[in-house]
Amino acid sequence: MSAMNVEEARWNMIEHQIRPLEVLDQQVLDLMYAVKREDFVPAAYRMLAFSDLEIPLGQGEHMWPPKLEARVMQELALKAGDRVLEIGTGSGYFTALLARLVQHVYSVEIKPELKALGEANLRRAGVANVTLELGDGARGWTKHAPYDVIVLTGSTPVLPPQLLQQMKPGARLFAVVGEPPVMAARLVTCTGEGSYNSIDLLETRIAPLTNALAGERFSF
């Protein structure tokens, strides 16, 4: 793909996928131009870097579609001083988007191969304000808590209460909650010590986090 074709594909991604999902925040749209998505996509799928689909990363994991990445960035209303917890580093692309707008991102990845992939991609992109750690973040990551923002890049049948306890007052959390066929993209705001406001933004489906907290199984 020539440089001109790449920029045309990027423009199409923003105008035909991202804007129609009500992503109108100019800072977020500028970000989708600035962070080169194609540099985070596995070589075999580079031609699909701007497509409206989940791109396989190996290890059973996928990148989110661009429109979901942009919509979540907009909903989180990120601030320059924010300290962010990302659960599931994957390719490092969403990590890089977050890092451009906040003070620091702590990103936890359970799969060593994906941590190495994310690390290499972020290093090559010159992203420095990120701490990558290997571990299971399905119940959060107390090491650097509390956080201003928490993002789960895999779904969870139910939202673990431990995650809520790691939010500062004013903090925002994004998670896809539920089980197939119905999952809700949910934004939770900590409105004060121990109190939370939750809104469901849209229906979507993404693969679960490794070791995600299972919902109650009722038997009759």
N, C-alpha and C. Protein backbone atom coordinates (compact mmCIF):
# COMPACT_ATOMS: atom_id res chain seq x y z
N MET A 1 0.85 -1.19 0.00
CA MET A 1 0.00 0.00 0.00
C MET A 1 0.89 1.24 0.00
N SER A 2 0.72 2.13 -0.99
CA SER A 2 1.54 3.33 -1.06
C SER A 2 1.13 4.29 0.07
N ALA A 3 2.03 5.25 0.34
CA ALA A 3 1.77 6.21 1.42
C ALA A 3 0.46 6.96 1.16
N MET A 4 0.21 7.30 -0.12
CA MET A 4 -1.02 8.03 -0.44
C MET A 4 -2.25 7.17 -0.17
N ASN A 5 -2.16 5.88 -0.56
CA ASN A 5 -3.28 4.96 -0.33
C ASN A 5 -3.52 4.74 1.16
N VAL A 6 -2.45 4.70 1.94
CA VAL A 6 -2.58 4.54 3.39
C VAL A 6 -3.36 5.72 3.96
N GLU A 7 -3.00 6.93 3.57
CA GLU A 7 -3.68 8.11 4.11
C GLU A 7 -5.14 8.16 3.65
N GLU A 8 -5.40 7.70 2.43
CA GLU A 8 -6.78 7.64 1.94
C GLU A 8 -7.59 6.63 2.75
N ALA A 9 -6.97 5.48 3.03
CA ALA A 9 -7.64 4.44 3.83
C ALA A 9 -7.90 4.94 5.25
N ARG A 10 -6.96 5.69 5.80
CA ARG A 10 -7.13 6.25 7.15
C ARG A 10 -8.28 7.25 7.16
N TRP A 11 -8.34 8.11 6.14
CA TRP A 11 -9.41 9.10 6.03
C TRP A 11 -10.77 8.39 5.93
N ASN A 12 -10.83 7.35 5.10
CA ASN A 12 -12.08 6.58 4.96
C ASN A 12 -12.51 5.95 6.28
N MET A 13 -11.54 5.41 7.02
CA MET A 13 -11.82 4.81 8.33
C MET A 13 -12.48 5.84 9.24
N ILE A 14 -11.93 7.05 9.26
CA ILE A 14 -12.43 8.09 10.16
C ILE A 14 -13.79 8.61 9.70
N GLU A 15 -13.93 8.85 8.41
CA GLU A 15 -15.16 9.46 7.90
C GLU A 15 -16.33 8.48 7.80
N HIS A 16 -16.03 7.21 7.49
CA HIS A 16 -17.11 6.25 7.19
C HIS A 16 -17.36 5.22 8.30
N GLN A 17 -16.42 5.09 9.24
CA GLN A 17 -16.64 4.16 10.36
C GLN A 17 -16.79 4.91 11.69
N ILE A 18 -15.88 5.85 11.92
CA ILE A 18 -15.77 6.46 13.24
C ILE A 18 -16.80 7.58 13.44
N ARG A 19 -16.87 8.52 12.52
CA ARG A 19 -17.85 9.61 12.65
C ARG A 19 -19.30 9.11 12.75
N PRO A 20 -19.70 8.10 11.91
CA PRO A 20 -21.08 7.62 12.00
C PRO A 20 -21.45 7.02 13.36
N LEU A 21 -20.44 6.65 14.17
CA LEU A 21 -20.73 6.13 15.51
C LEU A 21 -20.77 7.28 16.53
N GLU A 22 -21.05 8.48 16.03
CA GLU A 22 -21.19 9.66 16.89
C GLU A 22 -19.89 10.05 17.58
N VAL A 23 -18.77 9.74 16.96
CA VAL A 23 -17.49 10.22 17.49
C VAL A 23 -17.19 11.54 16.77
N LEU A 24 -17.39 12.65 17.50
CA LEU A 24 -17.27 13.98 16.90
C LEU A 24 -16.26 14.85 17.64
N ASP A 25 -15.65 14.29 18.69
CA ASP A 25 -14.65 15.02 19.47
C ASP A 25 -13.40 15.21 18.61
N GLN A 26 -13.06 16.47 18.32
CA GLN A 26 -11.96 16.74 17.39
C GLN A 26 -10.63 16.20 17.91
N GLN A 27 -10.44 16.25 19.21
CA GLN A 27 -9.20 15.72 19.80
C GLN A 27 -9.05 14.22 19.50
N VAL A 28 -10.15 13.49 19.60
CA VAL A 28 -10.13 12.05 19.32
C VAL A 28 -9.92 11.79 17.83
N LEU A 29 -10.60 12.55 16.98
CA LEU A 29 -10.43 12.38 15.53
C LEU A 29 -8.99 12.68 15.12
N ASP A 30 -8.41 13.74 15.68
CA ASP A 30 -7.01 14.07 15.39
C ASP A 30 -6.08 12.95 15.82
N LEU A 31 -6.41 12.36 16.96
CA LEU A 31 -5.61 11.25 17.50
C LEU A 31 -5.61 10.04 16.56
N MET A 32 -6.76 9.77 15.96
CA MET A 32 -6.86 8.62 15.05
C MET A 32 -6.03 8.84 13.79
N TYR A 33 -5.80 10.11 13.45
CA TYR A 33 -4.86 10.43 12.36
C TYR A 33 -3.42 10.30 12.82
N ALA A 34 -3.16 10.74 14.05
CA ALA A 34 -1.77 10.89 14.53
C ALA A 34 -1.10 9.56 14.87
N VAL A 35 -1.85 8.66 15.52
CA VAL A 35 -1.25 7.37 15.93
C VAL A 35 -1.45 6.38 14.79
N LYS A 36 -0.35 5.89 14.23
CA LYS A 36 -0.39 5.09 13.00
C LYS A 36 -0.82 3.66 13.30
N ARG A 37 -2.11 3.41 13.08
CA ARG A 37 -2.69 2.11 13.39
C ARG A 37 -1.98 0.96 12.67
N GLU A 38 -1.57 1.23 11.42
CA GLU A 38 -0.93 0.18 10.61
C GLU A 38 0.37 -0.33 11.24
N ASP A 39 1.01 0.49 12.10
CA ASP A 39 2.26 0.07 12.74
C ASP A 39 2.04 -0.89 13.90
N PHE A 40 0.77 -1.08 14.30
CA PHE A 40 0.45 -1.97 15.43
C PHE A 40 -0.23 -3.26 14.98
N VAL A 41 -0.49 -3.36 13.68
CA VAL A 41 -1.20 -4.51 13.13
C VAL A 41 -0.18 -5.56 12.70
N PRO A 42 -0.39 -6.86 13.00
CA PRO A 42 0.54 -7.89 12.53
C PRO A 42 0.73 -7.80 11.01
N ALA A 43 1.95 -8.04 10.57
CA ALA A 43 2.31 -7.86 9.15
C ALA A 43 1.33 -8.54 8.19
N ALA A 44 0.87 -9.72 8.56
CA ALA A 44 -0.02 -10.49 7.67
C ALA A 44 -1.36 -9.79 7.44
N TYR A 45 -1.73 -8.88 8.35
CA TYR A 45 -3.04 -8.22 8.25
C TYR A 45 -2.91 -6.71 7.97
N ARG A 46 -1.73 -6.29 7.60
CA ARG A 46 -1.48 -4.86 7.43
C ARG A 46 -2.45 -4.21 6.43
N MET A 47 -2.80 -4.95 5.38
CA MET A 47 -3.72 -4.40 4.37
C MET A 47 -5.12 -4.15 4.97
N LEU A 48 -5.40 -4.78 6.10
CA LEU A 48 -6.72 -4.63 6.74
C LEU A 48 -6.69 -3.66 7.93
N ALA A 49 -5.58 -2.93 8.06
CA ALA A 49 -5.38 -2.09 9.26
C ALA A 49 -6.52 -1.12 9.51
N PHE A 50 -7.19 -0.66 8.43
CA PHE A 50 -8.22 0.37 8.59
C PHE A 50 -9.62 -0.19 8.36
N SER A 51 -9.74 -1.50 8.32
CA SER A 51 -11.03 -2.14 8.06
C SER A 51 -11.88 -2.19 9.32
N ASP A 52 -13.19 -2.28 9.11
CA ASP A 52 -14.15 -2.33 10.21
C ASP A 52 -14.29 -3.76 10.71
N LEU A 53 -13.22 -4.27 11.31
CA LEU A 53 -13.26 -5.65 11.82
C LEU A 53 -12.24 -5.82 12.93
N GLU A 54 -12.35 -6.96 13.62
CA GLU A 54 -11.39 -7.31 14.67
C GLU A 54 -10.21 -8.02 14.01
N ILE A 55 -9.03 -7.48 14.16
CA ILE A 55 -7.85 -8.07 13.52
C ILE A 55 -7.18 -9.05 14.49
N PRO A 56 -6.93 -10.31 14.04
CA PRO A 56 -6.32 -11.30 14.92
C PRO A 56 -4.88 -10.93 15.30
N LEU A 57 -4.57 -11.15 16.57
CA LEU A 57 -3.22 -10.89 17.08
C LEU A 57 -2.48 -12.18 17.43
N GLY A 58 -3.16 -13.32 17.28
CA GLY A 58 -2.61 -14.57 17.80
C GLY A 58 -3.03 -14.75 19.25
N GLN A 59 -2.78 -15.93 19.81
CA GLN A 59 -3.15 -16.22 21.21
C GLN A 59 -4.66 -16.09 21.43
N GLY A 60 -5.45 -16.17 20.34
CA GLY A 60 -6.90 -16.06 20.47
C GLY A 60 -7.39 -14.63 20.72
N GLU A 61 -6.48 -13.65 20.60
CA GLU A 61 -6.85 -12.25 20.88
C GLU A 61 -6.99 -11.46 19.59
N HIS A 62 -7.75 -10.35 19.67
CA HIS A 62 -8.00 -9.50 18.51
C HIS A 62 -7.91 -8.03 18.89
N MET A 63 -7.58 -7.19 17.91
CA MET A 63 -7.70 -5.74 18.08
C MET A 63 -9.18 -5.37 17.96
N TRP A 64 -9.59 -4.36 18.70
CA TRP A 64 -10.94 -3.84 18.54
C TRP A 64 -11.09 -3.21 17.16
N PRO A 65 -12.32 -3.15 16.63
CA PRO A 65 -12.54 -2.35 15.41
C PRO A 65 -12.26 -0.88 15.71
N PRO A 66 -11.78 -0.13 14.71
CA PRO A 66 -11.41 1.28 14.94
C PRO A 66 -12.54 2.12 15.54
N LYS A 67 -13.78 1.87 15.12
CA LYS A 67 -14.89 2.71 15.60
C LYS A 67 -15.10 2.53 17.10
N LEU A 68 -14.87 1.30 17.62
CA LEU A 68 -15.02 1.08 19.06
C LEU A 68 -13.89 1.78 19.81
N GLU A 69 -12.67 1.69 19.27
CA GLU A 69 -11.52 2.36 19.90
C GLU A 69 -11.80 3.86 20.05
N ALA A 70 -12.27 4.46 18.95
CA ALA A 70 -12.50 5.91 18.95
C ALA A 70 -13.65 6.29 19.89
N ARG A 71 -14.72 5.51 19.86
CA ARG A 71 -15.89 5.81 20.71
C ARG A 71 -15.51 5.73 22.19
N VAL A 72 -14.72 4.72 22.56
CA VAL A 72 -14.31 4.58 23.96
C VAL A 72 -13.41 5.74 24.37
N MET A 73 -12.49 6.12 23.49
CA MET A 73 -11.63 7.27 23.79
C MET A 73 -12.47 8.52 24.05
N GLN A 74 -13.50 8.72 23.25
CA GLN A 74 -14.36 9.90 23.42
C GLN A 74 -15.11 9.83 24.75
N GLU A 75 -15.68 8.67 25.07
CA GLU A 75 -16.50 8.52 26.28
C GLU A 75 -15.68 8.69 27.56
N LEU A 76 -14.40 8.34 27.51
CA LEU A 76 -13.58 8.40 28.73
C LEU A 76 -13.21 9.84 29.12
N ALA A 77 -13.37 10.78 28.18
CA ALA A 77 -13.10 12.20 28.46
C ALA A 77 -11.76 12.36 29.20
N LEU A 78 -10.69 11.93 28.54
CA LEU A 78 -9.37 11.86 29.16
C LEU A 78 -8.79 13.24 29.43
N LYS A 79 -8.02 13.32 30.53
CA LYS A 79 -7.38 14.58 30.91
C LYS A 79 -5.86 14.37 31.02
N ALA A 80 -5.13 15.46 30.84
CA ALA A 80 -3.67 15.38 30.79
C ALA A 80 -3.05 14.78 32.06
N GLY A 81 -3.70 14.99 33.20
CA GLY A 81 -3.14 14.49 34.47
C GLY A 81 -3.58 13.07 34.85
N ASP A 82 -4.38 12.44 34.00
CA ASP A 82 -4.96 11.13 34.35
C ASP A 82 -3.91 10.01 34.43
N ARG A 83 -4.12 9.15 35.42
CA ARG A 83 -3.37 7.89 35.52
C ARG A 83 -4.34 6.77 35.16
N VAL A 84 -3.96 5.98 34.16
CA VAL A 84 -4.88 5.03 33.54
C VAL A 84 -4.41 3.59 33.76
N LEU A 85 -5.37 2.71 34.06
CA LEU A 85 -5.12 1.27 34.07
C LEU A 85 -5.79 0.67 32.84
N GLU A 86 -5.00 -0.01 32.01
CA GLU A 86 -5.54 -0.75 30.87
C GLU A 86 -5.33 -2.24 31.14
N ILE A 87 -6.42 -2.99 31.07
CA ILE A 87 -6.32 -4.44 31.30
C ILE A 87 -6.40 -5.13 29.95
N GLY A 88 -5.26 -5.68 29.52
CA GLY A 88 -5.14 -6.31 28.20
C GLY A 88 -4.44 -5.39 27.23
N THR A 89 -3.12 -5.54 27.10
CA THR A 89 -2.31 -4.65 26.24
C THR A 89 -2.51 -4.96 24.77
N GLY A 90 -2.58 -6.25 24.45
CA GLY A 90 -2.73 -6.65 23.05
C GLY A 90 -1.62 -6.09 22.18
N SER A 91 -1.99 -5.44 21.07
CA SER A 91 -1.00 -4.91 20.12
C SER A 91 -0.32 -3.65 20.65
N GLY A 92 -0.91 -3.03 21.67
CA GLY A 92 -0.38 -1.77 22.19
C GLY A 92 -0.98 -0.55 21.51
N TYR A 93 -1.84 -0.73 20.52
CA TYR A 93 -2.40 0.42 19.79
C TYR A 93 -3.31 1.26 20.69
N PHE A 94 -4.24 0.61 21.38
CA PHE A 94 -5.13 1.38 22.27
C PHE A 94 -4.32 2.01 23.40
N THR A 95 -3.29 1.32 23.86
CA THR A 95 -2.37 1.86 24.87
C THR A 95 -1.76 3.16 24.38
N ALA A 96 -1.34 3.16 23.10
CA ALA A 96 -0.71 4.34 22.50
C ALA A 96 -1.70 5.49 22.38
N LEU A 97 -2.96 5.17 22.02
CA LEU A 97 -3.99 6.21 21.95
C LEU A 97 -4.17 6.87 23.32
N LEU A 98 -4.31 6.04 24.36
CA LEU A 98 -4.47 6.55 25.72
C LEU A 98 -3.26 7.42 26.11
N ALA A 99 -2.08 6.91 25.83
CA ALA A 99 -0.84 7.56 26.29
C ALA A 99 -0.67 8.96 25.72
N ARG A 100 -1.22 9.21 24.53
CA ARG A 100 -1.09 10.52 23.90
C ARG A 100 -1.84 11.61 24.68
N LEU A 101 -2.86 11.21 25.46
CA LEU A 101 -3.73 12.20 26.10
C LEU A 101 -3.60 12.26 27.62
N VAL A 102 -2.87 11.32 28.22
CA VAL A 102 -2.85 11.25 29.69
C VAL A 102 -1.42 11.31 30.23
N GLN A 103 -1.33 11.35 31.56
CA GLN A 103 -0.01 11.41 32.20
C GLN A 103 0.72 10.08 32.10
N HIS A 104 0.01 8.99 32.46
CA HIS A 104 0.67 7.68 32.46
C HIS A 104 -0.35 6.56 32.29
N VAL A 105 0.06 5.53 31.56
CA VAL A 105 -0.78 4.34 31.38
C VAL A 105 -0.06 3.14 32.00
N TYR A 106 -0.76 2.45 32.89
CA TYR A 106 -0.29 1.16 33.41
C TYR A 106 -1.08 0.09 32.68
N SER A 107 -0.40 -0.72 31.88
CA SER A 107 -1.10 -1.71 31.05
C SER A 107 -0.67 -3.10 31.47
N VAL A 108 -1.66 -3.95 31.75
CA VAL A 108 -1.39 -5.30 32.27
C VAL A 108 -1.82 -6.33 31.22
N GLU A 109 -0.91 -7.22 30.87
CA GLU A 109 -1.18 -8.25 29.87
C GLU A 109 -0.83 -9.62 30.46
N ILE A 110 -1.76 -10.56 30.33
CA ILE A 110 -1.57 -11.89 30.94
C ILE A 110 -0.74 -12.83 30.07
N LYS A 111 -0.67 -12.54 28.77
CA LYS A 111 0.03 -13.45 27.83
C LYS A 111 1.40 -12.88 27.46
N PRO A 112 2.48 -13.59 27.81
CA PRO A 112 3.83 -13.07 27.58
C PRO A 112 4.08 -12.68 26.12
N GLU A 113 3.55 -13.47 25.17
CA GLU A 113 3.80 -13.18 23.76
C GLU A 113 3.17 -11.84 23.36
N LEU A 114 1.98 -11.57 23.90
CA LEU A 114 1.32 -10.31 23.57
C LEU A 114 1.98 -9.14 24.30
N LYS A 115 2.45 -9.36 25.51
CA LYS A 115 3.19 -8.30 26.20
C LYS A 115 4.41 -7.91 25.38
N ALA A 116 5.12 -8.91 24.86
CA ALA A 116 6.31 -8.65 24.04
C ALA A 116 5.94 -7.89 22.76
N LEU A 117 4.81 -8.27 22.13
CA LEU A 117 4.34 -7.60 20.92
C LEU A 117 4.00 -6.13 21.21
N GLY A 118 3.22 -5.93 22.27
CA GLY A 118 2.84 -4.56 22.65
C GLY A 118 4.05 -3.71 22.97
N GLU A 119 4.98 -4.29 23.71
CA GLU A 119 6.21 -3.58 24.10
C GLU A 119 6.99 -3.13 22.87
N ALA A 120 7.17 -4.06 21.94
CA ALA A 120 7.94 -3.76 20.71
C ALA A 120 7.26 -2.66 19.90
N ASN A 121 5.92 -2.77 19.76
CA ASN A 121 5.18 -1.77 18.98
C ASN A 121 5.25 -0.39 19.62
N LEU A 122 5.10 -0.34 20.94
CA LEU A 122 5.12 0.95 21.66
C LEU A 122 6.51 1.58 21.62
N ARG A 123 7.52 0.74 21.75
CA ARG A 123 8.90 1.24 21.70
C ARG A 123 9.19 1.85 20.32
N ARG A 124 8.76 1.13 19.27
CA ARG A 124 8.99 1.59 17.90
C ARG A 124 8.23 2.90 17.64
N ALA A 125 7.07 3.04 18.26
CA ALA A 125 6.26 4.26 18.08
C ALA A 125 6.73 5.41 18.98
N GLY A 126 7.72 5.14 19.82
CA GLY A 126 8.27 6.18 20.68
C GLY A 126 7.37 6.58 21.84
N VAL A 127 6.53 5.64 22.30
CA VAL A 127 5.61 5.93 23.42
C VAL A 127 6.34 5.60 24.73
N ALA A 128 6.56 6.62 25.55
CA ALA A 128 7.39 6.44 26.74
C ALA A 128 6.61 6.42 28.06
N ASN A 129 5.43 7.04 28.11
CA ASN A 129 4.71 7.19 29.39
C ASN A 129 3.77 6.00 29.65
N VAL A 130 4.32 4.80 29.46
CA VAL A 130 3.56 3.56 29.66
C VAL A 130 4.39 2.60 30.49
N THR A 131 3.75 1.95 31.46
CA THR A 131 4.39 0.86 32.20
C THR A 131 3.64 -0.42 31.86
N LEU A 132 4.32 -1.37 31.23
CA LEU A 132 3.71 -2.65 30.87
C LEU A 132 4.08 -3.70 31.91
N GLU A 133 3.08 -4.43 32.39
CA GLU A 133 3.35 -5.46 33.38
C GLU A 133 2.65 -6.76 33.00
N LEU A 134 3.30 -7.86 33.32
CA LEU A 134 2.76 -9.19 33.02
C LEU A 134 1.95 -9.67 34.21
N GLY A 135 0.69 -10.03 33.97
CA GLY A 135 -0.12 -10.53 35.08
C GLY A 135 -1.59 -10.60 34.71
N ASP A 136 -2.39 -11.01 35.68
CA ASP A 136 -3.82 -11.20 35.50
C ASP A 136 -4.54 -9.99 36.08
N GLY A 137 -5.08 -9.14 35.19
CA GLY A 137 -5.75 -7.93 35.65
C GLY A 137 -7.27 -8.04 35.66
N ALA A 138 -7.79 -9.27 35.56
CA ALA A 138 -9.26 -9.44 35.47
C ALA A 138 -9.98 -8.90 36.71
N ARG A 139 -9.29 -8.80 37.85
CA ARG A 139 -9.89 -8.20 39.06
C ARG A 139 -9.24 -6.85 39.36
N GLY A 140 -8.61 -6.28 38.36
CA GLY A 140 -7.92 -5.01 38.57
C GLY A 140 -6.44 -5.22 38.86
N TRP A 141 -5.79 -4.16 39.30
CA TRP A 141 -4.33 -4.19 39.51
C TRP A 141 -4.03 -3.20 40.63
N THR A 142 -3.93 -3.72 41.85
CA THR A 142 -3.84 -2.85 43.02
C THR A 142 -2.52 -2.10 43.12
N LYS A 143 -1.50 -2.59 42.41
CA LYS A 143 -0.13 -2.06 42.55
C LYS A 143 -0.04 -0.54 42.42
N HIS A 144 -0.74 0.03 41.47
CA HIS A 144 -0.66 1.48 41.24
C HIS A 144 -1.97 2.20 41.54
N ALA A 145 -2.92 1.49 42.16
CA ALA A 145 -4.25 2.06 42.44
C ALA A 145 -4.13 3.16 43.50
N PRO A 146 -5.11 4.09 43.54
CA PRO A 146 -6.30 4.18 42.68
C PRO A 146 -6.00 4.88 41.36
N TYR A 147 -6.92 4.71 40.39
CA TYR A 147 -6.74 5.24 39.05
C TYR A 147 -7.81 6.28 38.72
N ASP A 148 -7.50 7.12 37.73
CA ASP A 148 -8.47 8.07 37.19
C ASP A 148 -9.34 7.43 36.11
N VAL A 149 -8.75 6.45 35.42
CA VAL A 149 -9.44 5.77 34.32
C VAL A 149 -9.05 4.29 34.34
N ILE A 150 -10.03 3.41 34.12
CA ILE A 150 -9.76 1.98 33.97
C ILE A 150 -10.46 1.51 32.69
N VAL A 151 -9.73 0.77 31.86
CA VAL A 151 -10.30 0.23 30.61
C VAL A 151 -10.04 -1.27 30.55
N LEU A 152 -11.09 -2.04 30.34
CA LEU A 152 -10.95 -3.48 30.09
C LEU A 152 -11.05 -3.71 28.58
N THR A 153 -10.04 -4.30 27.97
CA THR A 153 -10.10 -4.51 26.53
C THR A 153 -10.70 -5.88 26.17
N GLY A 154 -11.02 -6.69 27.18
CA GLY A 154 -11.80 -7.91 26.98
C GLY A 154 -13.09 -7.78 27.77
N SER A 155 -14.09 -8.57 27.41
CA SER A 155 -15.38 -8.47 28.11
C SER A 155 -15.34 -9.25 29.42
N THR A 156 -16.34 -8.98 30.25
CA THR A 156 -16.46 -9.68 31.53
C THR A 156 -17.96 -9.94 31.78
N PRO A 157 -18.35 -11.19 32.13
CA PRO A 157 -19.77 -11.47 32.36
C PRO A 157 -20.39 -10.56 33.41
N VAL A 158 -19.64 -10.32 34.48
CA VAL A 158 -20.06 -9.34 35.50
C VAL A 158 -18.85 -8.48 35.85
N LEU A 159 -19.12 -7.27 36.33
CA LEU A 159 -18.04 -6.34 36.65
C LEU A 159 -17.52 -6.63 38.06
N PRO A 160 -16.24 -7.01 38.20
CA PRO A 160 -15.72 -7.32 39.53
C PRO A 160 -15.74 -6.09 40.44
N PRO A 161 -16.24 -6.24 41.67
CA PRO A 161 -16.28 -5.10 42.60
C PRO A 161 -14.90 -4.54 42.91
N GLN A 162 -13.86 -5.40 42.81
CA GLN A 162 -12.50 -4.93 43.09
C GLN A 162 -12.10 -3.77 42.17
N LEU A 163 -12.61 -3.82 40.92
CA LEU A 163 -12.28 -2.74 39.97
C LEU A 163 -12.85 -1.41 40.45
N LEU A 164 -14.07 -1.43 40.95
CA LEU A 164 -14.70 -0.20 41.43
C LEU A 164 -13.92 0.39 42.60
N GLN A 165 -13.38 -0.50 43.43
CA GLN A 165 -12.63 -0.04 44.60
C GLN A 165 -11.29 0.60 44.22
N GLN A 166 -10.87 0.41 42.97
CA GLN A 166 -9.58 0.97 42.53
C GLN A 166 -9.76 2.30 41.77
N MET A 167 -10.99 2.84 41.82
CA MET A 167 -11.28 4.11 41.16
C MET A 167 -11.24 5.27 42.15
N LYS A 168 -10.62 6.37 41.74
CA LYS A 168 -10.67 7.60 42.53
C LYS A 168 -12.04 8.24 42.34
N PRO A 169 -12.49 9.09 43.26
CA PRO A 169 -13.69 9.89 42.98
C PRO A 169 -13.48 10.68 41.69
N GLY A 170 -14.48 10.62 40.80
CA GLY A 170 -14.35 11.27 39.50
C GLY A 170 -13.81 10.36 38.41
N ALA A 171 -13.35 9.16 38.79
CA ALA A 171 -12.75 8.24 37.82
C ALA A 171 -13.81 7.64 36.90
N ARG A 172 -13.35 7.25 35.68
CA ARG A 172 -14.22 6.60 34.70
C ARG A 172 -13.70 5.20 34.41
N LEU A 173 -14.61 4.28 34.23
CA LEU A 173 -14.25 2.90 33.89
C LEU A 173 -15.05 2.47 32.66
N PHE A 174 -14.37 1.85 31.69
CA PHE A 174 -15.07 1.29 30.53
C PHE A 174 -14.89 -0.22 30.53
N ALA A 175 -16.01 -0.92 30.32
CA ALA A 175 -15.97 -2.38 30.21
C ALA A 175 -17.13 -2.85 29.33
N VAL A 176 -16.91 -3.93 28.62
CA VAL A 176 -18.01 -4.60 27.91
C VAL A 176 -18.47 -5.72 28.84
N VAL A 177 -19.73 -5.60 29.29
CA VAL A 177 -20.24 -6.47 30.35
C VAL A 177 -21.37 -7.35 29.81
N GLY A 178 -21.31 -8.64 30.16
CA GLY A 178 -22.36 -9.56 29.76
C GLY A 178 -21.80 -10.79 29.07
N GLU A 179 -22.71 -11.61 28.55
CA GLU A 179 -22.32 -12.82 27.84
C GLU A 179 -23.07 -12.87 26.52
N PRO A 180 -22.50 -13.56 25.51
CA PRO A 180 -23.21 -13.65 24.23
C PRO A 180 -24.62 -14.20 24.45
N PRO A 181 -25.60 -13.76 23.68
CA PRO A 181 -25.46 -12.84 22.55
C PRO A 181 -25.56 -11.36 22.92
N VAL A 182 -25.83 -11.03 24.17
CA VAL A 182 -26.04 -9.61 24.50
C VAL A 182 -24.96 -9.13 25.47
N MET A 183 -24.17 -8.16 25.00
CA MET A 183 -23.17 -7.52 25.86
C MET A 183 -23.35 -6.02 25.73
N ALA A 184 -23.13 -5.32 26.83
CA ALA A 184 -23.28 -3.86 26.82
C ALA A 184 -21.93 -3.20 27.03
N ALA A 185 -21.64 -2.21 26.19
CA ALA A 185 -20.47 -1.35 26.41
C ALA A 185 -20.86 -0.35 27.50
N ARG A 186 -20.21 -0.44 28.64
CA ARG A 186 -20.67 0.28 29.83
C ARG A 186 -19.62 1.29 30.31
N LEU A 187 -20.10 2.46 30.68
CA LEU A 187 -19.24 3.48 31.27
C LEU A 187 -19.70 3.70 32.71
N VAL A 188 -18.77 3.50 33.64
CA VAL A 188 -19.06 3.68 35.07
C VAL A 188 -18.25 4.87 35.57
N THR A 189 -18.91 5.79 36.24
CA THR A 189 -18.22 6.95 36.83
C THR A 189 -18.33 6.86 38.35
N CYS A 190 -17.19 7.07 39.02
CA CYS A 190 -17.19 7.11 40.49
C CYS A 190 -17.59 8.54 40.91
N THR A 191 -18.80 8.68 41.44
CA THR A 191 -19.33 10.00 41.75
C THR A 191 -18.95 10.48 43.16
N GLY A 192 -18.33 9.59 43.92
CA GLY A 192 -17.91 9.93 45.28
C GLY A 192 -17.45 8.65 45.95
N GLU A 193 -16.95 8.75 47.15
CA GLU A 193 -16.44 7.56 47.85
C GLU A 193 -17.50 6.46 47.89
N GLY A 194 -17.25 5.37 47.16
CA GLY A 194 -18.16 4.22 47.21
C GLY A 194 -19.46 4.37 46.44
N SER A 195 -19.63 5.45 45.67
CA SER A 195 -20.86 5.59 44.88
C SER A 195 -20.53 5.74 43.39
N TYR A 196 -21.36 5.10 42.55
CA TYR A 196 -21.04 4.95 41.13
C TYR A 196 -22.28 5.19 40.27
N ASN A 197 -22.05 5.78 39.12
CA ASN A 197 -23.11 5.97 38.14
C ASN A 197 -22.73 5.17 36.89
N SER A 198 -23.67 4.39 36.39
CA SER A 198 -23.38 3.48 35.29
C SER A 198 -24.34 3.73 34.13
N ILE A 199 -23.78 3.86 32.90
CA ILE A 199 -24.65 3.96 31.72
C ILE A 199 -24.17 2.97 30.65
N ASP A 200 -25.13 2.37 29.96
CA ASP A 200 -24.81 1.48 28.84
C ASP A 200 -24.85 2.30 27.55
N LEU A 201 -23.73 2.30 26.83
CA LEU A 201 -23.57 3.16 25.66
C LEU A 201 -24.14 2.52 24.40
N LEU A 202 -23.85 1.24 24.21
CA LEU A 202 -24.29 0.54 23.01
C LEU A 202 -24.10 -0.95 23.23
N GLU A 203 -24.71 -1.74 22.34
CA GLU A 203 -24.50 -3.19 22.38
C GLU A 203 -23.34 -3.53 21.47
N THR A 204 -22.47 -4.40 21.95
CA THR A 204 -21.34 -4.85 21.14
C THR A 204 -20.92 -6.21 21.67
N ARG A 205 -20.07 -6.90 20.94
CA ARG A 205 -19.55 -8.20 21.41
C ARG A 205 -18.06 -8.25 21.21
N ILE A 206 -17.33 -8.52 22.29
CA ILE A 206 -15.89 -8.77 22.18
C ILE A 206 -15.56 -10.00 23.03
N ALA A 207 -14.42 -10.59 22.75
CA ALA A 207 -14.00 -11.80 23.47
C ALA A 207 -13.75 -11.49 24.94
N PRO A 208 -13.99 -12.47 25.83
CA PRO A 208 -13.79 -12.21 27.26
C PRO A 208 -12.33 -12.11 27.64
N LEU A 209 -12.09 -11.40 28.73
CA LEU A 209 -10.76 -11.41 29.35
C LEU A 209 -10.44 -12.82 29.81
N THR A 210 -9.18 -13.18 29.76
CA THR A 210 -8.74 -14.42 30.39
C THR A 210 -9.06 -14.32 31.88
N ASN A 211 -9.67 -15.37 32.43
CA ASN A 211 -10.03 -15.43 33.86
C ASN A 211 -11.07 -14.37 34.27
N ALA A 212 -11.90 -13.95 33.31
CA ALA A 212 -12.95 -12.97 33.64
C ALA A 212 -13.87 -13.55 34.71
N LEU A 213 -14.38 -12.66 35.56
CA LEU A 213 -15.28 -13.08 36.63
C LEU A 213 -16.58 -13.59 36.04
N ALA A 214 -16.90 -14.85 36.32
CA ALA A 214 -18.10 -15.46 35.74
C ALA A 214 -19.35 -14.98 36.45
N GLY A 215 -20.45 -14.93 35.66
CA GLY A 215 -21.74 -14.59 36.26
C GLY A 215 -22.30 -15.77 37.03
N GLU A 216 -23.31 -15.51 37.82
CA GLU A 216 -23.95 -16.60 38.58
C GLU A 216 -24.68 -17.55 37.61
N ARG A 217 -24.51 -18.83 37.85
CA ARG A 217 -25.22 -19.82 37.04
C ARG A 217 -26.43 -20.31 37.84
N PHE A 218 -27.61 -19.95 37.38
CA PHE A 218 -28.80 -20.36 38.12
C PHE A 218 -29.29 -21.71 37.57
N SER A 219 -29.64 -22.64 38.46
CA SER A 219 -30.22 -23.91 38.01
C SER A 219 -31.56 -24.06 38.67
N PHE A 220 -32.52 -24.54 37.89
CA PHE A 220 -33.89 -24.68 38.41
C PHE A 220 -34.26 -26.15 38.50
